[in-house]
Each structure stands twice: as C-alpha cells, then as structure tokens.
C-alpha cells in the first residue's frame, strides 16, 4: 500500500476488508460467538468454542500481514464491524463467581441519598438507579447536538484527539468518526421523518473541550469522596438505536448520568452464570444516575422511538 495513506483512508480500507471478510464466511464462526453479545441468547456450549475463535483471529491477522503492517496495526485498534479485541478479551477473561448475580432480578432504586447513606452501596455489584440525582446540572438544560458540534468544530485538534487514543463507538450506526457525525445533514441530525436514526459515543478527552463541558456538570455528590475517578468522561447521544449487548473492559465501576431523554437498560449475567442468574430490564429518566459493574454484567440500551437521549458516563473505584 502507499505509505502516504492517511489513517482515515486506512480505516476505510479496513472497514471494506472486514465487510468482505464477513461476506466470505467469517460470520459463520464469529457471529455465532457474538449472538450472545448482541441478543444474549447464546448457550454455554457456544462460549466453550471461544478458543477456536482466537485461533481463527490469529490466522486472519497473519494473512493481513501480506497486505501491510500498517493495516494490521490499524486493524487491531479498529472499532468497525468486527472489534477483534473484544473477541480476544471475551475468550480469555476469567470465569466469574456467580454469587454477584444470584437472586438479583431488579436494580436497587435510591432517592435523596447522601454520601454517608450511599457508602454501603458504593462498591456493590448490584445494579443501582439513583433517582433525580443530577437534575440540578446545567447540562440537563443546555447540552444538545449543536453545542458539541460547535465545540469540536471550533477547537483545534479536536478530532485528532479521537485518533490518538480517545475511543469512538458507532454501535450499529453507519458513521465511523465523530467528524462524520457532526457533518450529518441537519434533517438526519434531528432524526426527521424518513431519516436513518443514529447513536454514538466517544471519550471526551481533548483538554480544552473537557474543561469547557465540565462547567455544565459535576461528579455525582453521593459518590465516595476518597474514590479514584477517571480523568475523562464519555458522551453518548442519539436516537432509537442504543448500544448492543456487551461487557466493558475497564478498570473501575461505571456511573452514567441521564442528561436528557429516557433509556431502557437490558442486562444479563455472563454466560457461565446463565443457569443460576437472571436477565432483566429497567427504565431510567432524565436526571437519574445509573451505576453498574459493566465488567461482569452484559448490558445493552435502547431508546424510545423518536426521542433524543444524551448521557455523561465515567468511572470510579
């Protein structure tokens, strides 16, 4: 390949390559493995085949070496149709102790909770909703698509920050970068009738943008004062589609503030606990905070038709 190709053109080539791979039969093995992640109806026997999948991935990457070492490097970090890193993480993660999910059939719902009262829940693996906890945030009144669009278009190096390690997630959307999101036609951006819905998320780690958006919100006051917090936050927004079923490979517990719109969470235990634990759903509203150990609970989200959802998410531990 031409050594002068840009990273974006390499990533586009990767997406095309991955699409052809799926069309040529990769899905027979890999999409069966992802059936649980996307629809959470896989059997335990399917999970036991994960070692074979790892071998397949290794062989596939080896074949890519004949194309370009740059392409292989990009493939390993690409978040496109086929996130191979998730395959490897799932195949090699340790088996869970199912005590975390036995008899758990609904989230703990808390209201008007103080930091002292929250202490006994702070590091629990139980799903938690703290109702009306962030209604005082400026973000609940002022965050919208166009505010973020202006920030990224007016800040030098904003899009490059995503290419340098800040994660962009397109989920099931046909948009592969934040620039593509903000370049959408206005009709699609507001989900006008006949337009394709969209839903994306990204790590908001450009220092100038992060400093500006943090004026609109703060870490929830009930979280432990001595907890360790992530240096950045994630933003998720869009219409209807939500996130597919997945685990997060992160070092800490997750909190997510529902800034606008409503959202339904579907959660499921890891496959080895499927026979003793339960899948269930719960609903959150604007102003709520969701807390979930997303490292051990598979989770997916969905949004009401036609409704815009925006959340701020980060970690603590």
C-alpha atoms as a PDB file:
ATOM      1  CA  UNK A   1       0.000   0.000   0.000  1.00  0.00           C
ATOM      2  CA  UNK A   2       1.056   3.609  -0.498  1.00  0.00           C
ATOM      3  CA  UNK A   3       2.985   4.750   2.590  1.00  0.00           C
ATOM      4  CA  UNK A   4       1.396   8.205   2.304  1.00  0.00           C
ATOM      5  CA  UNK A   5      -2.106   6.977   3.027  1.00  0.00           C
ATOM      6  CA  UNK A   6      -3.839   8.753   5.899  1.00  0.00           C
ATOM      7  CA  UNK A   7      -5.130   6.941   8.957  1.00  0.00           C
ATOM      8  CA  UNK A   8      -8.722   7.668   7.897  1.00  0.00           C
ATOM      9  CA  UNK A   9      -8.157   6.082   4.464  1.00  0.00           C
ATOM     10  CA  UNK A  10      -6.533   3.059   6.103  1.00  0.00           C
ATOM     11  CA  UNK A  11      -9.503   2.717   8.455  1.00  0.00           C
ATOM     12  CA  UNK A  12     -11.874   2.950   5.480  1.00  0.00           C
ATOM     13  CA  UNK A  13      -9.916   0.192   3.747  1.00  0.00           C
ATOM     14  CA  UNK A  14     -10.186  -1.855   6.920  1.00  0.00           C
ATOM     15  CA  UNK A  15     -13.935  -1.484   7.027  1.00  0.00           C
ATOM     16  CA  UNK A  16     -14.152  -2.617   3.407  1.00  0.00           C
ATOM     17  CA  UNK A  17     -11.848  -5.547   4.154  1.00  0.00           C
ATOM     18  CA  UNK A  18     -13.880  -6.531   7.193  1.00  0.00           C
ATOM     19  CA  UNK A  19     -17.114  -6.314   5.188  1.00  0.00           C
ATOM     20  CA  UNK A  20     -15.667  -8.610   2.521  1.00  0.00           C
ATOM     21  CA  UNK A  21     -14.450 -10.997   5.208  1.00  0.00           C
ATOM     22  CA  UNK A  22     -17.947 -11.230   6.655  1.00  0.00           C
ATOM     23  CA  UNK A  23     -19.384 -11.739   3.195  1.00  0.00           C
ATOM     24  CA  UNK A  24     -16.915 -14.528   2.528  1.00  0.00           C
ATOM     25  CA  UNK A  25     -17.969 -16.596   5.502  1.00  0.00           C
ATOM     26  CA  UNK A  26     -16.279 -15.199   8.603  1.00  0.00           C
ATOM     27  CA  UNK A  27     -19.713 -14.692  10.107  1.00  0.00           C
ATOM     28  CA  UNK A  28     -20.331 -18.446  10.318  1.00  0.00           C
ATOM     29  CA  UNK A  29     -17.893 -18.684  13.212  1.00  0.00           C
ATOM     30  CA  UNK A  30     -17.614 -15.213  14.636  1.00  0.00           C
ATOM     31  CA  UNK A  31     -21.212 -14.039  14.500  1.00  0.00           C
ATOM     32  CA  UNK A  32     -22.331 -17.184  16.312  1.00  0.00           C
ATOM     33  CA  UNK A  33     -19.989 -16.158  19.118  1.00  0.00           C
ATOM     34  CA  UNK A  34     -21.420 -12.641  19.052  1.00  0.00           C
ATOM     35  CA  UNK A  35     -25.002 -13.920  19.157  1.00  0.00           C
ATOM     36  CA  UNK A  36     -24.876 -13.704  22.938  1.00  0.00           C
ATOM     37  CA  UNK A  37     -23.391 -10.231  22.945  1.00  0.00           C
ATOM     38  CA  UNK A  38     -25.955  -8.855  20.505  1.00  0.00           C
ATOM     39  CA  UNK A  39     -29.027 -10.852  21.518  1.00  0.00           C
ATOM     40  CA  UNK A  40     -27.952 -12.582  24.753  1.00  0.00           C
ATOM     41  CA  UNK A  41     -29.409 -15.960  23.755  1.00  0.00           C
ATOM     42  CA  UNK A  42     -26.183 -17.928  23.310  1.00  0.00           C
ATOM     43  CA  UNK A  43     -25.671 -21.263  25.021  1.00  0.00           C
ATOM     44  CA  UNK A  44     -22.819 -22.158  27.335  1.00  0.00           C
ATOM     45  CA  UNK A  45     -21.566 -24.650  24.735  1.00  0.00           C
ATOM     46  CA  UNK A  46     -21.079 -21.840  22.241  1.00  0.00           C
ATOM     47  CA  UNK A  47     -18.937 -19.981  24.748  1.00  0.00           C
ATOM     48  CA  UNK A  48     -16.662 -23.025  25.065  1.00  0.00           C
ATOM     49  CA  UNK A  49     -15.786 -22.656  21.389  1.00  0.00           C
ATOM     50  CA  UNK A  50     -14.070 -19.300  22.043  1.00  0.00           C
ATOM     51  CA  UNK A  51     -10.559 -20.809  21.916  1.00  0.00           C
ATOM     52  CA  UNK A  52     -11.169 -21.863  18.319  1.00  0.00           C
ATOM     53  CA  UNK A  53     -12.208 -18.313  17.524  1.00  0.00           C
ATOM     54  CA  UNK A  54      -8.986 -16.906  18.956  1.00  0.00           C
ATOM     55  CA  UNK A  55      -7.018 -19.247  16.695  1.00  0.00           C
ATOM     56  CA  UNK A  56      -9.060 -18.056  13.731  1.00  0.00           C
ATOM     57  CA  UNK A  57      -8.417 -14.395  14.586  1.00  0.00           C
ATOM     58  CA  UNK A  58      -4.659 -15.030  14.832  1.00  0.00           C
ATOM     59  CA  UNK A  59      -4.641 -16.726  11.417  1.00  0.00           C
ATOM     60  CA  UNK A  60      -6.701 -13.914   9.927  1.00  0.00           C
ATOM     61  CA  UNK A  61      -4.306 -11.252  11.227  1.00  0.00           C
ATOM     62  CA  UNK A  62      -1.356 -13.254   9.875  1.00  0.00           C
ATOM     63  CA  UNK A  63      -2.927 -13.192   6.424  1.00  0.00           C
ATOM     64  CA  UNK A  64      -3.306  -9.429   6.684  1.00  0.00           C
ATOM     65  CA  UNK A  65       0.462  -9.183   7.066  1.00  0.00           C
ATOM     66  CA  UNK A  66       0.700  -9.817   3.337  1.00  0.00           C
ATOM     67  CA  UNK A  67      -1.233  -6.596   2.767  1.00  0.00           C
ATOM     68  CA  UNK A  68       0.553  -4.133   5.030  1.00  0.00           C
ATOM     69  CA  UNK A  69       1.914  -3.938   8.560  1.00  0.00           C
ATOM     70  CA  UNK A  70       0.239  -0.529   8.868  1.00  0.00           C
ATOM     71  CA  UNK A  71      -3.108  -2.092   8.033  1.00  0.00           C
ATOM     72  CA  UNK A  72      -2.596  -4.765  10.678  1.00  0.00           C
ATOM     73  CA  UNK A  73      -1.784  -2.132  13.309  1.00  0.00           C
ATOM     74  CA  UNK A  74      -4.931  -0.259  12.411  1.00  0.00           C
ATOM     75  CA  UNK A  75      -6.985  -3.451  12.322  1.00  0.00           C
ATOM     76  CA  UNK A  76      -6.045  -4.282  15.882  1.00  0.00           C
ATOM     77  CA  UNK A  77      -7.355  -0.932  17.090  1.00  0.00           C
ATOM     78  CA  UNK A  78     -10.248  -0.511  14.646  1.00  0.00           C
ATOM     79  CA  UNK A  79     -13.720  -0.152  16.103  1.00  0.00           C
ATOM     80  CA  UNK A  80     -15.587  -1.096  12.959  1.00  0.00           C
ATOM     81  CA  UNK A  81     -17.773  -4.021  12.015  1.00  0.00           C
ATOM     82  CA  UNK A  82     -15.582  -6.541  13.765  1.00  0.00           C
ATOM     83  CA  UNK A  83     -13.914  -5.459  17.045  1.00  0.00           C
ATOM     84  CA  UNK A  84     -11.461  -8.381  17.253  1.00  0.00           C
ATOM     85  CA  UNK A  85     -10.091  -7.093  20.560  1.00  0.00           C
ATOM     86  CA  UNK A  86     -13.459  -7.881  22.171  1.00  0.00           C
ATOM     87  CA  UNK A  87     -13.287 -11.415  20.824  1.00  0.00           C
ATOM     88  CA  UNK A  88      -9.919 -11.955  22.432  1.00  0.00           C
ATOM     89  CA  UNK A  89     -10.933 -10.311  25.722  1.00  0.00           C
ATOM     90  CA  UNK A  90     -14.077 -12.421  25.951  1.00  0.00           C
ATOM     91  CA  UNK A  91     -12.224 -15.597  25.083  1.00  0.00           C
ATOM     92  CA  UNK A  92      -9.556 -15.019  27.725  1.00  0.00           C
ATOM     93  CA  UNK A  93     -11.483 -13.413  30.598  1.00  0.00           C
ATOM     94  CA  UNK A  94     -11.539 -15.458  33.850  1.00  0.00           C
ATOM     95  CA  UNK A  95     -14.734 -17.271  34.820  1.00  0.00           C
ATOM     96  CA  UNK A  96     -16.945 -15.223  37.138  1.00  0.00           C
ATOM     97  CA  UNK A  97     -18.116 -16.123  40.634  1.00  0.00           C
ATOM     98  CA  UNK A  98     -21.886 -16.242  40.125  1.00  0.00           C
ATOM     99  CA  UNK A  99     -22.644 -15.001  43.643  1.00  0.00           C
ATOM    100  CA  UNK A 100     -22.713 -11.479  42.213  1.00  0.00           C
ATOM    101  CA  UNK A 101     -25.955 -12.128  40.327  1.00  0.00           C
ATOM    102  CA  UNK A 102     -27.833 -14.885  42.191  1.00  0.00           C
ATOM    103  CA  UNK A 103     -31.340 -13.696  43.178  1.00  0.00           C
ATOM    104  CA  UNK A 104     -30.800 -10.302  41.517  1.00  0.00           C
ATOM    105  CA  UNK A 105     -33.902  -9.564  39.439  1.00  0.00           C
ATOM    106  CA  UNK A 106     -34.113  -5.767  39.561  1.00  0.00           C
ATOM    107  CA  UNK A 107     -31.964  -2.734  40.371  1.00  0.00           C
ATOM    108  CA  UNK A 108     -31.690  -1.071  43.754  1.00  0.00           C
ATOM    109  CA  UNK A 109     -33.587   2.244  43.478  1.00  0.00           C
ATOM    110  CA  UNK A 110     -32.425   5.077  45.740  1.00  0.00           C
ATOM    111  CA  UNK A 111     -33.804   8.575  46.291  1.00  0.00           C
ATOM    112  CA  UNK A 112     -32.395  11.632  48.066  1.00  0.00           C
ATOM    113  CA  UNK A 113     -29.325   9.620  49.036  1.00  0.00           C
ATOM    114  CA  UNK A 114     -26.436  11.223  50.959  1.00  0.00           C
ATOM    115  CA  UNK A 115     -22.802  10.234  50.583  1.00  0.00           C
ATOM    116  CA  UNK A 116     -22.893   8.620  54.012  1.00  0.00           C
ATOM    117  CA  UNK A 117     -26.043   6.631  53.200  1.00  0.00           C
ATOM    118  CA  UNK A 118     -24.655   5.584  49.824  1.00  0.00           C
ATOM    119  CA  UNK A 119     -21.458   4.192  51.360  1.00  0.00           C
ATOM    120  CA  UNK A 120     -22.906   0.700  51.839  1.00  0.00           C
ATOM    121  CA  UNK A 121     -23.820   0.522  48.142  1.00  0.00           C
ATOM    122  CA  UNK A 122     -20.770   2.282  46.730  1.00  0.00           C
ATOM    123  CA  UNK A 123     -18.775  -0.767  45.639  1.00  0.00           C
ATOM    124  CA  UNK A 124     -21.617  -3.233  45.211  1.00  0.00           C
ATOM    125  CA  UNK A 125     -22.062  -5.315  42.060  1.00  0.00           C
ATOM    126  CA  UNK A 126     -25.848  -4.751  42.262  1.00  0.00           C
ATOM    127  CA  UNK A 127     -27.353  -2.559  39.535  1.00  0.00           C
ATOM    128  CA  UNK A 128     -28.370   0.785  41.084  1.00  0.00           C
ATOM    129  CA  UNK A 129     -30.509   3.744  39.997  1.00  0.00           C
ATOM    130  CA  UNK A 130     -30.282   6.987  41.956  1.00  0.00           C
ATOM    131  CA  UNK A 131     -33.394   8.935  41.013  1.00  0.00           C
ATOM    132  CA  UNK A 132     -33.343  12.645  40.225  1.00  0.00           C
ATOM    133  CA  UNK A 133     -29.691  12.936  41.274  1.00  0.00           C
ATOM    134  CA  UNK A 134     -28.433  15.299  38.551  1.00  0.00           C
ATOM    135  CA  UNK A 135     -31.478  17.433  37.778  1.00  0.00           C
ATOM    136  CA  UNK A 136     -29.514  20.468  39.001  1.00  0.00           C
ATOM    137  CA  UNK A 137     -26.825  20.068  36.318  1.00  0.00           C
ATOM    138  CA  UNK A 138     -26.685  22.874  33.736  1.00  0.00           C
ATOM    139  CA  UNK A 139     -26.206  20.073  31.215  1.00  0.00           C
ATOM    140  CA  UNK A 140     -29.814  18.952  31.607  1.00  0.00           C
ATOM    141  CA  UNK A 141     -30.961  22.268  30.141  1.00  0.00           C
ATOM    142  CA  UNK A 142     -28.120  23.177  27.782  1.00  0.00           C
ATOM    143  CA  UNK A 143     -26.456  20.037  26.371  1.00  0.00           C
ATOM    144  CA  UNK A 144     -27.528  19.201  22.831  1.00  0.00           C
ATOM    145  CA  UNK A 145     -26.125  18.051  19.490  1.00  0.00           C
ATOM    146  CA  UNK A 146     -25.284  21.551  18.284  1.00  0.00           C
ATOM    147  CA  UNK A 147     -23.404  22.571  21.435  1.00  0.00           C
ATOM    148  CA  UNK A 148     -20.978  19.671  20.976  1.00  0.00           C
ATOM    149  CA  UNK A 149     -20.766  20.273  17.236  1.00  0.00           C
ATOM    150  CA  UNK A 150     -19.709  23.883  17.809  1.00  0.00           C
ATOM    151  CA  UNK A 151     -17.133  22.865  20.420  1.00  0.00           C
ATOM    152  CA  UNK A 152     -15.480  20.315  18.140  1.00  0.00           C
ATOM    153  CA  UNK A 153     -15.604  22.466  15.009  1.00  0.00           C
ATOM    154  CA  UNK A 154     -14.140  25.489  16.811  1.00  0.00           C
ATOM    155  CA  UNK A 155     -11.378  23.671  18.747  1.00  0.00           C
ATOM    156  CA  UNK A 156      -8.077  22.971  17.012  1.00  0.00           C
ATOM    157  CA  UNK A 157      -7.057  19.313  17.102  1.00  0.00           C
ATOM    158  CA  UNK A 158     -10.429  18.181  18.450  1.00  0.00           C
ATOM    159  CA  UNK A 159     -10.958  15.316  16.007  1.00  0.00           C
ATOM    160  CA  UNK A 160      -7.309  14.270  16.153  1.00  0.00           C
ATOM    161  CA  UNK A 161      -7.718  13.604  19.887  1.00  0.00           C
ATOM    162  CA  UNK A 162     -10.023  10.716  18.982  1.00  0.00           C
ATOM    163  CA  UNK A 163      -7.456   9.241  16.600  1.00  0.00           C
ATOM    164  CA  UNK A 164      -4.761   9.463  19.272  1.00  0.00           C
ATOM    165  CA  UNK A 165      -6.403   7.072  21.703  1.00  0.00           C
ATOM    166  CA  UNK A 166      -9.762   8.566  22.672  1.00  0.00           C
ATOM    167  CA  UNK A 167     -12.361   5.961  21.838  1.00  0.00           C
ATOM    168  CA  UNK A 168     -15.199   6.497  19.344  1.00  0.00           C
ATOM    169  CA  UNK A 169     -18.082   3.987  19.316  1.00  0.00           C
ATOM    170  CA  UNK A 170     -20.530   3.910  16.433  1.00  0.00           C
ATOM    171  CA  UNK A 171     -22.508   0.876  17.700  1.00  0.00           C
ATOM    172  CA  UNK A 172     -24.929  -0.022  14.843  1.00  0.00           C
ATOM    173  CA  UNK A 173     -24.645   3.376  13.125  1.00  0.00           C
ATOM    174  CA  UNK A 174     -23.130   3.849   9.653  1.00  0.00           C
ATOM    175  CA  UNK A 175     -20.953   6.731  10.899  1.00  0.00           C
ATOM    176  CA  UNK A 176     -17.321   5.887  11.618  1.00  0.00           C
ATOM    177  CA  UNK A 177     -15.935   9.068  13.152  1.00  0.00           C
ATOM    178  CA  UNK A 178     -17.152  11.991  15.227  1.00  0.00           C
ATOM    179  CA  UNK A 179     -16.488  14.289  12.276  1.00  0.00           C
ATOM    180  CA  UNK A 180     -18.901  12.229  10.175  1.00  0.00           C
ATOM    181  CA  UNK A 181     -21.470  12.600  12.955  1.00  0.00           C
ATOM    182  CA  UNK A 182     -21.175  16.378  13.054  1.00  0.00           C
ATOM    183  CA  UNK A 183     -21.138  16.571   9.238  1.00  0.00           C
ATOM    184  CA  UNK A 184     -24.564  14.897   9.032  1.00  0.00           C
ATOM    185  CA  UNK A 185     -27.293  16.789   7.174  1.00  0.00           C
ATOM    186  CA  UNK A 186     -29.462  18.772   9.575  1.00  0.00           C
ATOM    187  CA  UNK A 187     -32.505  16.613   8.832  1.00  0.00           C
ATOM    188  CA  UNK A 188     -30.725  13.451   9.878  1.00  0.00           C
ATOM    189  CA  UNK A 189     -29.126  15.126  12.894  1.00  0.00           C
ATOM    190  CA  UNK A 190     -32.606  15.848  14.283  1.00  0.00           C
ATOM    191  CA  UNK A 191     -33.983  12.459  13.180  1.00  0.00           C
ATOM    192  CA  UNK A 192     -36.540  13.900  10.790  1.00  0.00           C
ATOM    193  CA  UNK A 193     -39.164  11.585   9.310  1.00  0.00           C
ATOM    194  CA  UNK A 194     -37.648   9.214   6.751  1.00  0.00           C
ATOM    195  CA  UNK A 195     -34.078   9.717   8.002  1.00  0.00           C
ATOM    196  CA  UNK A 196     -31.907   6.913   9.363  1.00  0.00           C
ATOM    197  CA  UNK A 197     -31.590   7.014  13.175  1.00  0.00           C
ATOM    198  CA  UNK A 198     -28.129   7.177  14.724  1.00  0.00           C
ATOM    199  CA  UNK A 199     -26.483   6.656  18.116  1.00  0.00           C
ATOM    200  CA  UNK A 200     -22.797   7.089  19.009  1.00  0.00           C
ATOM    201  CA  UNK A 201     -20.467   7.573  21.948  1.00  0.00           C
ATOM    202  CA  UNK A 202     -16.944   8.857  22.447  1.00  0.00           C
ATOM    203  CA  UNK A 203     -14.301   9.591  25.036  1.00  0.00           C
ATOM    204  CA  UNK A 204     -14.271  13.332  25.637  1.00  0.00           C
ATOM    205  CA  UNK A 205     -10.563  13.750  26.314  1.00  0.00           C
ATOM    206  CA  UNK A 206      -9.459  16.876  24.433  1.00  0.00           C
ATOM    207  CA  UNK A 207      -8.291  19.046  27.375  1.00  0.00           C
ATOM    208  CA  UNK A 208      -9.872  22.298  26.154  1.00  0.00           C
ATOM    209  CA  UNK A 209     -13.232  20.716  25.331  1.00  0.00           C
ATOM    210  CA  UNK A 210     -13.219  18.689  28.541  1.00  0.00           C
ATOM    211  CA  UNK A 211     -12.616  21.824  30.617  1.00  0.00           C
ATOM    212  CA  UNK A 212     -15.496  23.612  28.893  1.00  0.00           C
ATOM    213  CA  UNK A 213     -18.077  20.822  29.179  1.00  0.00           C
ATOM    214  CA  UNK A 214     -17.229  20.171  32.839  1.00  0.00           C
ATOM    215  CA  UNK A 215     -18.694  23.575  33.611  1.00  0.00           C
ATOM    216  CA  UNK A 216     -22.078  22.025  32.834  1.00  0.00           C
ATOM    217  CA  UNK A 217     -21.909  19.052  35.227  1.00  0.00           C
ATOM    218  CA  UNK A 218     -20.005  17.549  38.154  1.00  0.00           C
ATOM    219  CA  UNK A 219     -19.287  14.125  39.598  1.00  0.00           C
ATOM    220  CA  UNK A 220     -22.424  12.937  41.458  1.00  0.00           C
ATOM    221  CA  UNK A 221     -22.189  14.193  45.050  1.00  0.00           C
ATOM    222  CA  UNK A 222     -23.151  10.874  46.643  1.00  0.00           C
ATOM    223  CA  UNK A 223     -20.099   9.010  45.283  1.00  0.00           C
ATOM    224  CA  UNK A 224     -17.299   8.318  47.821  1.00  0.00           C
ATOM    225  CA  UNK A 225     -15.116  11.335  48.452  1.00  0.00           C
ATOM    226  CA  UNK A 226     -11.950   9.216  48.568  1.00  0.00           C
ATOM    227  CA  UNK A 227     -12.747   7.255  45.384  1.00  0.00           C
ATOM    228  CA  UNK A 228     -10.440   7.296  42.391  1.00  0.00           C
ATOM    229  CA  UNK A 229     -12.106   8.897  39.369  1.00  0.00           C
ATOM    230  CA  UNK A 230     -11.262   8.631  35.686  1.00  0.00           C
ATOM    231  CA  UNK A 231      -9.514  11.592  34.083  1.00  0.00           C
ATOM    232  CA  UNK A 232     -12.065  11.826  31.270  1.00  0.00           C
ATOM    233  CA  UNK A 233     -15.751  11.253  30.678  1.00  0.00           C
ATOM    234  CA  UNK A 234     -17.698   9.692  27.828  1.00  0.00           C
ATOM    235  CA  UNK A 235     -20.618  11.224  25.979  1.00  0.00           C
ATOM    236  CA  UNK A 236     -23.360   9.084  24.413  1.00  0.00           C
ATOM    237  CA  UNK A 237     -26.121  10.570  22.332  1.00  0.00           C
ATOM    238  CA  UNK A 238     -28.515   9.879  19.503  1.00  0.00           C
ATOM    239  CA  UNK A 239     -31.870   8.368  18.632  1.00  0.00           C
ATOM    240  CA  UNK A 240     -33.596   4.996  18.978  1.00  0.00           C
ATOM    241  CA  UNK A 241     -30.709   2.580  18.424  1.00  0.00           C
ATOM    242  CA  UNK A 242     -28.803   2.453  21.704  1.00  0.00           C
ATOM    243  CA  UNK A 243     -25.858   0.178  22.474  1.00  0.00           C
ATOM    244  CA  UNK A 244     -25.614  -3.510  21.603  1.00  0.00           C
ATOM    245  CA  UNK A 245     -25.121  -6.153  24.313  1.00  0.00           C
ATOM    246  CA  UNK A 246     -21.527  -6.101  25.562  1.00  0.00           C
ATOM    247  CA  UNK A 247     -19.151  -6.072  28.514  1.00  0.00           C
ATOM    248  CA  UNK A 248     -16.827  -3.154  29.294  1.00  0.00           C
ATOM    249  CA  UNK A 249     -13.139  -3.886  29.779  1.00  0.00           C
ATOM    250  CA  UNK A 250     -12.450  -1.005  32.152  1.00  0.00           C
ATOM    251  CA  UNK A 251     -10.575  -0.792  35.485  1.00  0.00           C
ATOM    252  CA  UNK A 252     -13.369   0.677  37.651  1.00  0.00           C
ATOM    253  CA  UNK A 253     -17.101   0.742  38.296  1.00  0.00           C
ATOM    254  CA  UNK A 254     -19.285   2.756  35.931  1.00  0.00           C
ATOM    255  CA  UNK A 255     -21.683   5.625  36.582  1.00  0.00           C
ATOM    256  CA  UNK A 256     -23.864   7.225  33.899  1.00  0.00           C
ATOM    257  CA  UNK A 257     -25.945  10.376  34.238  1.00  0.00           C
ATOM    258  CA  UNK A 258     -29.083  10.521  32.083  1.00  0.00           C
ATOM    259  CA  UNK A 259     -28.950  14.146  30.961  1.00  0.00           C
ATOM    260  CA  UNK A 260     -31.872  14.069  28.528  1.00  0.00           C
ATOM    261  CA  UNK A 261     -34.293  11.520  27.164  1.00  0.00           C
ATOM    262  CA  UNK A 262     -35.285   8.145  28.568  1.00  0.00           C
ATOM    263  CA  UNK A 263     -33.401   4.878  28.247  1.00  0.00           C
ATOM    264  CA  UNK A 264     -34.094   1.201  28.814  1.00  0.00           C
ATOM    265  CA  UNK A 265     -31.243  -0.951  30.093  1.00  0.00           C
ATOM    266  CA  UNK A 266     -31.217  -4.691  29.414  1.00  0.00           C
ATOM    267  CA  UNK A 267     -28.695  -6.603  31.495  1.00  0.00           C
ATOM    268  CA  UNK A 268     -27.643 -10.233  31.609  1.00  0.00           C
ATOM    269  CA  UNK A 269     -25.133 -12.285  33.608  1.00  0.00           C
ATOM    270  CA  UNK A 270     -22.012 -13.687  31.984  1.00  0.00           C
ATOM    271  CA  UNK A 271     -22.730 -16.954  30.138  1.00  0.00           C
ATOM    272  CA  UNK A 272     -21.293 -19.252  32.828  1.00  0.00           C
ATOM    273  CA  UNK A 273     -23.881 -17.848  35.277  1.00  0.00           C
ATOM    274  CA  UNK A 274     -26.836 -18.094  32.896  1.00  0.00           C
ATOM    275  CA  UNK A 275     -28.325 -21.138  34.599  1.00  0.00           C
ATOM    276  CA  UNK A 276     -28.431 -19.591  38.092  1.00  0.00           C
ATOM    277  CA  UNK A 277     -28.935 -15.877  37.396  1.00  0.00           C
ATOM    278  CA  UNK A 278     -31.496 -13.763  35.559  1.00  0.00           C
ATOM    279  CA  UNK A 279     -31.746 -11.341  32.675  1.00  0.00           C
ATOM    280  CA  UNK A 280     -33.900  -8.289  33.249  1.00  0.00           C
ATOM    281  CA  UNK A 281     -34.592  -4.729  32.115  1.00  0.00           C
ATOM    282  CA  UNK A 282     -35.102  -1.383  33.801  1.00  0.00           C
ATOM    283  CA  UNK A 283     -36.001   2.130  32.747  1.00  0.00           C
ATOM    284  CA  UNK A 284     -34.299   5.426  33.587  1.00  0.00           C
ATOM    285  CA  UNK A 285     -35.463   9.009  33.176  1.00  0.00           C
ATOM    286  CA  UNK A 286     -33.768  12.405  32.788  1.00  0.00           C
ATOM    287  CA  UNK A 287     -31.942  13.314  36.000  1.00  0.00           C
ATOM    288  CA  UNK A 288     -31.273   9.692  37.013  1.00  0.00           C
ATOM    289  CA  UNK A 289     -27.839   8.167  37.592  1.00  0.00           C
ATOM    290  CA  UNK A 290     -27.210   4.514  36.719  1.00  0.00           C
ATOM    291  CA  UNK A 291     -24.450   2.587  38.492  1.00  0.00           C
ATOM    292  CA  UNK A 292     -23.452  -0.822  37.187  1.00  0.00           C
ATOM    293  CA  UNK A 293     -20.405  -3.077  37.236  1.00  0.00           C
ATOM    294  CA  UNK A 294     -20.281  -3.345  33.468  1.00  0.00           C
ATOM    295  CA  UNK A 295     -17.254  -5.632  33.690  1.00  0.00           C
ATOM    296  CA  UNK A 296     -19.438  -8.530  34.899  1.00  0.00           C
ATOM    297  CA  UNK A 297     -22.927  -7.590  33.686  1.00  0.00           C
ATOM    298  CA  UNK A 298     -23.600  -7.750  29.966  1.00  0.00           C
ATOM    299  CA  UNK A 299     -25.629  -4.673  29.108  1.00  0.00           C
ATOM    300  CA  UNK A 300     -27.460  -3.100  26.198  1.00  0.00           C
ATOM    301  CA  UNK A 301     -29.545   0.050  25.924  1.00  0.00           C
ATOM    302  CA  UNK A 302     -32.495   1.147  23.803  1.00  0.00           C
ATOM    303  CA  UNK A 303     -34.263   4.473  23.370  1.00  0.00           C
ATOM    304  CA  UNK A 304     -37.923   5.334  22.772  1.00  0.00           C
ATOM    305  CA  UNK A 305     -38.732   5.920  19.112  1.00  0.00           C
ATOM    306  CA  UNK A 306     -38.177   9.498  18.026  1.00  0.00           C
ATOM    307  CA  UNK A 307     -36.633  10.578  21.352  1.00  0.00           C
ATOM    308  CA  UNK A 308     -33.156  12.108  21.702  1.00  0.00           C
ATOM    309  CA  UNK A 309     -31.012  10.705  24.513  1.00  0.00           C
ATOM    310  CA  UNK A 310     -27.804  12.214  25.899  1.00  0.00           C
ATOM    311  CA  UNK A 311     -25.743  10.826  28.784  1.00  0.00           C
ATOM    312  CA  UNK A 312     -22.467  11.552  30.554  1.00  0.00           C
ATOM    313  CA  UNK A 313     -20.588   8.465  31.689  1.00  0.00           C
ATOM    314  CA  UNK A 314     -17.416   7.851  33.661  1.00  0.00           C
ATOM    315  CA  UNK A 315     -15.809   5.536  36.226  1.00  0.00           C
ATOM    316  CA  UNK A 316     -14.948   5.439  39.906  1.00  0.00           C
ATOM    317  CA  UNK A 317     -13.230   2.956  42.164  1.00  0.00           C
END
